[in-house]
Amino acid sequence: ADARACVVDVCTQRSLGGERVALSYGIDR
């Protein structure tokens, strides 16, 4: 649980950025 909390904390501080994709490539994004 503590390890998961550490990972979530790091992930929330970093942005993945964005990209524009065609609808045909949008599934599950």
Full PDB file with SEQRES, HELIX, SHEET, SSBOND, CRYST1, ORIGX, SCALE, CONECT and MASTER records, all heavy atoms in Angstrom:
SEQRES   1 A   29  ALA ASP ALA ARG ALA CYS VAL VAL ASP VAL CYS THR GLN          
SEQRES   2 A   29  ARG SER LEU GLY GLY GLU ARG VAL ALA LEU SER TYR GLY          
SEQRES   3 A   29  ILE ASP ARG                                                  
HELIX    1 AA1 ASP A    2  THR A   12  1                                  11    
HELIX    2 AA2 LEU A   23  TYR A   25  5                                   3    
CRYST1    1.000    1.000    1.000  90.00  90.00  90.00 P 1           1          
ORIGX1      1.000000  0.000000  0.000000        0.00000                         
ORIGX2      0.000000  1.000000  0.000000        0.00000                         
ORIGX3      0.000000  0.000000  1.000000        0.00000                         
SCALE1      1.000000  0.000000  0.000000        0.00000                         
SCALE2      0.000000  1.000000  0.000000        0.00000                         
SCALE3      0.000000  0.000000  1.000000        0.00000                         
ATOM      1  N   ALA A   1       0.834  -1.212   0.000  1.00  0.00           N  
ATOM      2  CA  ALA A   1       0.000   0.000   0.000  1.00  0.00           C  
ATOM      3  C   ALA A   1       0.861   1.253   0.000  1.00  0.00           C  
ATOM      4  O   ALA A   1       0.591   2.213  -0.733  1.00  0.00           O  
ATOM      5  CB  ALA A   1      -0.933  -0.015   1.202  1.00  0.00           C  
ATOM      6  N   ASP A   2       1.957   1.249   0.814  1.00  0.00           N  
ATOM      7  CA  ASP A   2       2.851   2.412   0.858  1.00  0.00           C  
ATOM      8  C   ASP A   2       3.591   2.572  -0.468  1.00  0.00           C  
ATOM      9  O   ASP A   2       3.787   3.692  -0.957  1.00  0.00           O  
ATOM     10  CB  ASP A   2       3.853   2.284   2.005  1.00  0.00           C  
ATOM     11  CG  ASP A   2       3.199   2.468   3.368  1.00  0.00           C  
ATOM     12  OD1 ASP A   2       2.074   3.011   3.399  1.00  0.00           O  
ATOM     13  OD2 ASP A   2       3.803   2.070   4.374  1.00  0.00           O  
ATOM     14  N   ALA A   3       4.011   1.459  -1.066  1.00  0.00           N  
ATOM     15  CA  ALA A   3       4.701   1.516  -2.353  1.00  0.00           C  
ATOM     16  C   ALA A   3       3.776   2.074  -3.428  1.00  0.00           C  
ATOM     17  O   ALA A   3       4.165   2.924  -4.240  1.00  0.00           O  
ATOM     18  CB  ALA A   3       5.193   0.116  -2.744  1.00  0.00           C  
ATOM     19  N   ARG A   4       2.518   1.623  -3.414  1.00  0.00           N  
ATOM     20  CA  ARG A   4       1.541   2.111  -4.389  1.00  0.00           C  
ATOM     21  C   ARG A   4       1.320   3.612  -4.205  1.00  0.00           C  
ATOM     22  O   ARG A   4       1.248   4.372  -5.171  1.00  0.00           O  
ATOM     23  CB  ARG A   4       0.230   1.349  -4.238  1.00  0.00           C  
ATOM     24  CG  ARG A   4      -0.812   1.732  -5.279  1.00  0.00           C  
ATOM     25  CD  ARG A   4      -2.121   0.962  -5.127  1.00  0.00           C  
ATOM     26  NE  ARG A   4      -1.946  -0.432  -5.476  1.00  0.00           N  
ATOM     27  CZ  ARG A   4      -2.148  -1.454  -4.669  1.00  0.00           C  
ATOM     28  NH1 ARG A   4      -2.519  -1.238  -3.417  1.00  0.00           N  
ATOM     29  NH2 ARG A   4      -1.978  -2.695  -5.065  1.00  0.00           N  
ATOM     30  N   ALA A   5       1.231   4.058  -2.947  1.00  0.00           N  
ATOM     31  CA  ALA A   5       1.030   5.481  -2.663  1.00  0.00           C  
ATOM     32  C   ALA A   5       2.199   6.313  -3.181  1.00  0.00           C  
ATOM     33  O   ALA A   5       2.013   7.404  -3.722  1.00  0.00           O  
ATOM     34  CB  ALA A   5       0.839   5.692  -1.168  1.00  0.00           C  
ATOM     35  N   CYS A   6       3.434   5.775  -3.052  1.00  0.00           N  
ATOM     36  CA  CYS A   6       4.620   6.472  -3.566  1.00  0.00           C  
ATOM     37  C   CYS A   6       4.557   6.616  -5.081  1.00  0.00           C  
ATOM     38  O   CYS A   6       4.847   7.675  -5.638  1.00  0.00           O  
ATOM     39  CB  CYS A   6       5.898   5.726  -3.175  1.00  0.00           C  
ATOM     40  SG  CYS A   6       6.288   5.822  -1.422  1.00  0.00           S  
ATOM     41  N   VAL A   7       4.169   5.537  -5.750  1.00  0.00           N  
ATOM     42  CA  VAL A   7       4.083   5.556  -7.219  1.00  0.00           C  
ATOM     43  C   VAL A   7       3.021   6.554  -7.672  1.00  0.00           C  
ATOM     44  O   VAL A   7       3.241   7.359  -8.585  1.00  0.00           O  
ATOM     45  CB  VAL A   7       3.773   4.140  -7.767  1.00  0.00           C  
ATOM     46  CG1 VAL A   7       3.450   4.186  -9.246  1.00  0.00           C  
ATOM     47  CG2 VAL A   7       4.942   3.205  -7.499  1.00  0.00           C  
ATOM     48  N   VAL A   8       1.854   6.531  -7.018  1.00  0.00           N  
ATOM     49  CA  VAL A   8       0.776   7.458  -7.374  1.00  0.00           C  
ATOM     50  C   VAL A   8       1.225   8.892  -7.150  1.00  0.00           C  
ATOM     51  O   VAL A   8       0.960   9.776  -7.967  1.00  0.00           O  
ATOM     52  CB  VAL A   8      -0.507   7.139  -6.568  1.00  0.00           C  
ATOM     53  CG1 VAL A   8      -1.543   8.242  -6.711  1.00  0.00           C  
ATOM     54  CG2 VAL A   8      -1.090   5.802  -7.001  1.00  0.00           C  
ATOM     55  N   ASP A   9       1.946   9.145  -6.053  1.00  0.00           N  
ATOM     56  CA  ASP A   9       2.426  10.487  -5.747  1.00  0.00           C  
ATOM     57  C   ASP A   9       3.361  10.998  -6.833  1.00  0.00           C  
ATOM     58  O   ASP A   9       3.251  12.132  -7.286  1.00  0.00           O  
ATOM     59  CB  ASP A   9       3.133  10.482  -4.381  1.00  0.00           C  
ATOM     60  CG  ASP A   9       3.554  11.880  -3.958  1.00  0.00           C  
ATOM     61  OD1 ASP A   9       2.697  12.780  -3.994  1.00  0.00           O  
ATOM     62  OD2 ASP A   9       4.737  12.066  -3.607  1.00  0.00           O  
ATOM     63  N   VAL A  10       4.286  10.155  -7.272  1.00  0.00           N  
ATOM     64  CA  VAL A  10       5.221  10.550  -8.330  1.00  0.00           C  
ATOM     65  C   VAL A  10       4.473  10.802  -9.635  1.00  0.00           C  
ATOM     66  O   VAL A  10       4.717  11.781 -10.345  1.00  0.00           O  
ATOM     67  CB  VAL A  10       6.313   9.470  -8.526  1.00  0.00           C  
ATOM     68  CG1 VAL A  10       7.129   9.744  -9.774  1.00  0.00           C  
ATOM     69  CG2 VAL A  10       7.215   9.408  -7.302  1.00  0.00           C  
ATOM     70  N   CYS A  11       3.520   9.921  -9.948  1.00  0.00           N  
ATOM     71  CA  CYS A  11       2.775  10.042 -11.207  1.00  0.00           C  
ATOM     72  C   CYS A  11       1.924  11.300 -11.261  1.00  0.00           C  
ATOM     73  O   CYS A  11       1.811  11.930 -12.309  1.00  0.00           O  
ATOM     74  CB  CYS A  11       1.890   8.814 -11.420  1.00  0.00           C  
ATOM     75  SG  CYS A  11       2.832   7.323 -11.783  1.00  0.00           S  
ATOM     76  N   THR A  12       1.337  11.685 -10.122  1.00  0.00           N  
ATOM     77  CA  THR A  12       0.479  12.871 -10.126  1.00  0.00           C  
ATOM     78  C   THR A  12       1.287  14.156 -10.260  1.00  0.00           C  
ATOM     79  O   THR A  12       0.745  15.186 -10.645  1.00  0.00           O  
ATOM     80  CB  THR A  12      -0.380  12.946  -8.847  1.00  0.00           C  
ATOM     81  OG1 THR A  12       0.459  12.845  -7.707  1.00  0.00           O  
ATOM     82  CG2 THR A  12      -1.418  11.838  -8.818  1.00  0.00           C  
ATOM     83  N   GLN A  13       2.586  14.083  -9.970  1.00  0.00           N  
ATOM     84  CA  GLN A  13       3.433  15.264 -10.102  1.00  0.00           C  
ATOM     85  C   GLN A  13       3.999  15.420 -11.507  1.00  0.00           C  
ATOM     86  O   GLN A  13       4.599  16.438 -11.830  1.00  0.00           O  
ATOM     87  CB  GLN A  13       4.588  15.194  -9.103  1.00  0.00           C  
ATOM     88  CG  GLN A  13       4.131  15.280  -7.653  1.00  0.00           C  
ATOM     89  CD  GLN A  13       5.290  15.095  -6.695  1.00  0.00           C  
ATOM     90  OE1 GLN A  13       6.408  15.504  -6.976  1.00  0.00           O  
ATOM     91  NE2 GLN A  13       5.023  14.479  -5.555  1.00  0.00           N  
ATOM     92  N   ARG A  14       3.787  14.424 -12.344  1.00  0.00           N  
ATOM     93  CA  ARG A  14       4.333  14.471 -13.705  1.00  0.00           C  
ATOM     94  C   ARG A  14       3.200  14.406 -14.714  1.00  0.00           C  
ATOM     95  O   ARG A  14       2.296  13.606 -14.593  1.00  0.00           O  
ATOM     96  CB  ARG A  14       5.280  13.312 -13.941  1.00  0.00           C  
ATOM     97  CG  ARG A  14       6.464  13.359 -13.016  1.00  0.00           C  
ATOM     98  CD  ARG A  14       7.440  12.284 -13.333  1.00  0.00           C  
ATOM     99  NE  ARG A  14       8.526  12.300 -12.377  1.00  0.00           N  
ATOM    100  CZ  ARG A  14       9.588  11.562 -12.462  1.00  0.00           C  
ATOM    101  NH1 ARG A  14       9.730  10.713 -13.461  1.00  0.00           N  
ATOM    102  NH2 ARG A  14      10.540  11.643 -11.553  1.00  0.00           N  
ATOM    103  N   SER A  15       3.258  15.283 -15.703  1.00  0.00           N  
ATOM    104  CA  SER A  15       2.239  15.300 -16.751  1.00  0.00           C  
ATOM    105  C   SER A  15       2.750  14.530 -17.960  1.00  0.00           C  
ATOM    106  O   SER A  15       3.916  14.643 -18.340  1.00  0.00           O  
ATOM    107  CB  SER A  15       1.934  16.747 -17.146  1.00  0.00           C  
ATOM    108  OG  SER A  15       1.093  16.768 -18.260  1.00  0.00           O  
ATOM    109  N   LEU A  16       1.863  13.760 -18.550  1.00  0.00           N  
ATOM    110  CA  LEU A  16       2.251  12.994 -19.743  1.00  0.00           C  
ATOM    111  C   LEU A  16       2.220  13.847 -20.995  1.00  0.00           C  
ATOM    112  O   LEU A  16       2.734  13.448 -22.035  1.00  0.00           O  
ATOM    113  CB  LEU A  16       1.294  11.803 -19.930  1.00  0.00           C  
ATOM    114  CG  LEU A  16       1.415  10.691 -18.893  1.00  0.00           C  
ATOM    115  CD1 LEU A  16       0.292   9.685 -19.084  1.00  0.00           C  
ATOM    116  CD2 LEU A  16       2.763  10.000 -19.019  1.00  0.00           C  
ATOM    117  N   GLY A  17       1.581  15.014 -20.924  1.00  0.00           N  
ATOM    118  CA  GLY A  17       1.432  15.813 -22.127  1.00  0.00           C  
ATOM    119  C   GLY A  17       0.313  15.246 -22.983  1.00  0.00           C  
ATOM    120  O   GLY A  17      -0.317  14.252 -22.630  1.00  0.00           O  
ATOM    121  N   GLY A  18       0.080  15.880 -24.090  1.00  0.00           N  
ATOM    122  CA  GLY A  18      -1.006  15.424 -24.949  1.00  0.00           C  
ATOM    123  C   GLY A  18      -0.559  15.243 -26.385  1.00  0.00           C  
ATOM    124  O   GLY A  18       0.525  15.672 -26.769  1.00  0.00           O  
ATOM    125  N   GLU A  19      -1.420  14.598 -27.144  1.00  0.00           N  
ATOM    126  CA  GLU A  19      -1.186  14.452 -28.573  1.00  0.00           C  
ATOM    127  C   GLU A  19      -2.530  14.356 -29.275  1.00  0.00           C  
ATOM    128  O   GLU A  19      -3.529  13.953 -28.678  1.00  0.00           O  
ATOM    129  CB  GLU A  19      -0.323  13.223 -28.877  1.00  0.00           C  
ATOM    130  CG  GLU A  19      -0.928  11.901 -28.464  1.00  0.00           C  
ATOM    131  CD  GLU A  19      -0.008  10.730 -28.771  1.00  0.00           C  
ATOM    132  OE1 GLU A  19       0.822  10.848 -29.691  1.00  0.00           O  
ATOM    133  OE2 GLU A  19      -0.138   9.695 -28.096  1.00  0.00           O  
ATOM    134  N   ARG A  20      -2.554  14.750 -30.535  1.00  0.00           N  
ATOM    135  CA  ARG A  20      -3.775  14.730 -31.334  1.00  0.00           C  
ATOM    136  C   ARG A  20      -3.751  13.491 -32.205  1.00  0.00           C  
ATOM    137  O   ARG A  20      -2.798  13.270 -32.943  1.00  0.00           O  
ATOM    138  CB  ARG A  20      -3.826  15.998 -32.188  1.00  0.00           C  
ATOM    139  CG  ARG A  20      -5.155  16.286 -32.801  1.00  0.00           C  
ATOM    140  CD  ARG A  20      -5.170  17.725 -33.324  1.00  0.00           C  
ATOM    141  NE  ARG A  20      -6.471  18.053 -33.845  1.00  0.00           N  
ATOM    142  CZ  ARG A  20      -6.776  18.064 -35.127  1.00  0.00           C  
ATOM    143  NH1 ARG A  20      -5.865  17.789 -36.030  1.00  0.00           N  
ATOM    144  NH2 ARG A  20      -7.993  18.376 -35.523  1.00  0.00           N  
ATOM    145  N   VAL A  21      -4.823  12.680 -32.111  1.00  0.00           N  
ATOM    146  CA  VAL A  21      -4.891  11.453 -32.903  1.00  0.00           C  
ATOM    147  C   VAL A  21      -6.211  11.398 -33.656  1.00  0.00           C  
ATOM    148  O   VAL A  21      -7.204  12.019 -33.253  1.00  0.00           O  
ATOM    149  CB  VAL A  21      -4.737  10.183 -32.021  1.00  0.00           C  
ATOM    150  CG1 VAL A  21      -3.400  10.174 -31.305  1.00  0.00           C  
ATOM    151  CG2 VAL A  21      -5.879  10.056 -31.028  1.00  0.00           C  
ATOM    152  N   ALA A  22      -6.229  10.654 -34.746  1.00  0.00           N  
ATOM    153  CA  ALA A  22      -7.463  10.430 -35.493  1.00  0.00           C  
ATOM    154  C   ALA A  22      -8.405   9.584 -34.643  1.00  0.00           C  
ATOM    155  O   ALA A  22      -7.955   8.777 -33.826  1.00  0.00           O  
ATOM    156  CB  ALA A  22      -7.153   9.733 -36.814  1.00  0.00           C  
ATOM    157  N   LEU A  23      -9.710   9.769 -34.847  1.00  0.00           N  
ATOM    158  CA  LEU A  23     -10.678   8.994 -34.061  1.00  0.00           C  
ATOM    159  C   LEU A  23     -10.434   7.505 -34.177  1.00  0.00           C  
ATOM    160  O   LEU A  23     -10.630   6.763 -33.217  1.00  0.00           O  
ATOM    161  CB  LEU A  23     -12.116   9.303 -34.517  1.00  0.00           C  
ATOM    162  CG  LEU A  23     -12.728  10.617 -34.066  1.00  0.00           C  
ATOM    163  CD1 LEU A  23     -14.222  10.606 -34.342  1.00  0.00           C  
ATOM    164  CD2 LEU A  23     -12.477  10.897 -32.609  1.00  0.00           C  
ATOM    165  N   SER A  24     -10.004   7.053 -35.348  1.00  0.00           N  
ATOM    166  CA  SER A  24      -9.780   5.612 -35.539  1.00  0.00           C  
ATOM    167  C   SER A  24      -8.665   5.078 -34.648  1.00  0.00           C  
ATOM    168  O   SER A  24      -8.563   3.871 -34.437  1.00  0.00           O  
ATOM    169  CB  SER A  24      -9.458   5.317 -37.010  1.00  0.00           C  
ATOM    170  OG  SER A  24      -8.361   6.101 -37.440  1.00  0.00           O  
ATOM    171  N   TYR A  25      -7.827   5.966 -34.096  1.00  0.00           N  
ATOM    172  CA  TYR A  25      -6.759   5.553 -33.181  1.00  0.00           C  
ATOM    173  C   TYR A  25      -7.072   5.954 -31.736  1.00  0.00           C  
ATOM    174  O   TYR A  25      -6.225   5.842 -30.863  1.00  0.00           O  
ATOM    175  CB  TYR A  25      -5.419   6.164 -33.593  1.00  0.00           C  
ATOM    176  CG  TYR A  25      -4.901   5.622 -34.898  1.00  0.00           C  
ATOM    177  CD1 TYR A  25      -5.052   6.347 -36.074  1.00  0.00           C  
ATOM    178  CD2 TYR A  25      -4.293   4.373 -34.968  1.00  0.00           C  
ATOM    179  CE1 TYR A  25      -4.602   5.847 -37.285  1.00  0.00           C  
ATOM    180  CE2 TYR A  25      -3.839   3.868 -36.175  1.00  0.00           C  
ATOM    181  CZ  TYR A  25      -4.001   4.610 -37.325  1.00  0.00           C  
ATOM    182  OH  TYR A  25      -3.555   4.102 -38.523  1.00  0.00           O  
ATOM    183  N   GLY A  26      -8.312   6.408 -31.489  1.00  0.00           N  
ATOM    184  CA  GLY A  26      -8.653   6.920 -30.172  1.00  0.00           C  
ATOM    185  C   GLY A  26      -9.170   5.893 -29.185  1.00  0.00           C  
ATOM    186  O   GLY A  26      -9.301   6.200 -28.005  1.00  0.00           O  
ATOM    187  N   ILE A  27      -9.434   4.676 -29.636  1.00  0.00           N  
ATOM    188  CA  ILE A  27     -10.025   3.674 -28.747  1.00  0.00           C  
ATOM    189  C   ILE A  27      -9.131   3.404 -27.537  1.00  0.00           C  
ATOM    190  O   ILE A  27      -7.912   3.233 -27.671  1.00  0.00           O  
ATOM    191  CB  ILE A  27     -10.330   2.354 -29.500  1.00  0.00           C  
ATOM    192  CG1 ILE A  27     -11.184   1.406 -28.655  1.00  0.00           C  
ATOM    193  CG2 ILE A  27      -9.073   1.673 -29.972  1.00  0.00           C  
ATOM    194  CD1 ILE A  27     -12.586   1.827 -28.500  1.00  0.00           C  
ATOM    195  N   ASP A  28      -9.726   3.437 -26.345  1.00  0.00           N  
ATOM    196  CA  ASP A  28      -9.052   3.193 -25.068  1.00  0.00           C  
ATOM    197  C   ASP A  28      -8.023   4.257 -24.686  1.00  0.00           C  
ATOM    198  O   ASP A  28      -7.305   4.078 -23.703  1.00  0.00           O  
ATOM    199  CB  ASP A  28      -8.397   1.805 -25.040  1.00  0.00           C  
ATOM    200  CG  ASP A  28      -9.427   0.698 -24.903  1.00  0.00           C  
ATOM    201  OD1 ASP A  28     -10.506   0.968 -24.342  1.00  0.00           O  
ATOM    202  OD2 ASP A  28      -9.154  -0.426 -25.353  1.00  0.00           O  
ATOM    203  N   ARG A  29      -7.964   5.365 -25.436  1.00  0.00           N  
ATOM    204  CA  ARG A  29      -7.085   6.461 -25.030  1.00  0.00           C  
ATOM    205  C   ARG A  29      -7.824   7.320 -23.999  1.00  0.00           C  
ATOM    206  O   ARG A  29      -9.025   7.219 -23.821  1.00  0.00           O  
ATOM    207  CB  ARG A  29      -6.685   7.313 -26.250  1.00  0.00           C  
ATOM    208  CG  ARG A  29      -5.934   6.546 -27.335  1.00  0.00           C  
ATOM    209  CD  ARG A  29      -4.589   6.020 -26.868  1.00  0.00           C  
ATOM    210  NE  ARG A  29      -3.654   7.048 -26.477  1.00  0.00           N  
ATOM    211  CZ  ARG A  29      -2.803   7.643 -27.317  1.00  0.00           C  
ATOM    212  NH1 ARG A  29      -2.767   7.288 -28.598  1.00  0.00           N  
ATOM    213  NH2 ARG A  29      -1.980   8.573 -26.873  1.00  0.00           N  
TER     214      ARG A  29                                                      
MASTER        0    0    0    2    0    0    0    6  213    1    0    3          
END                                                                             
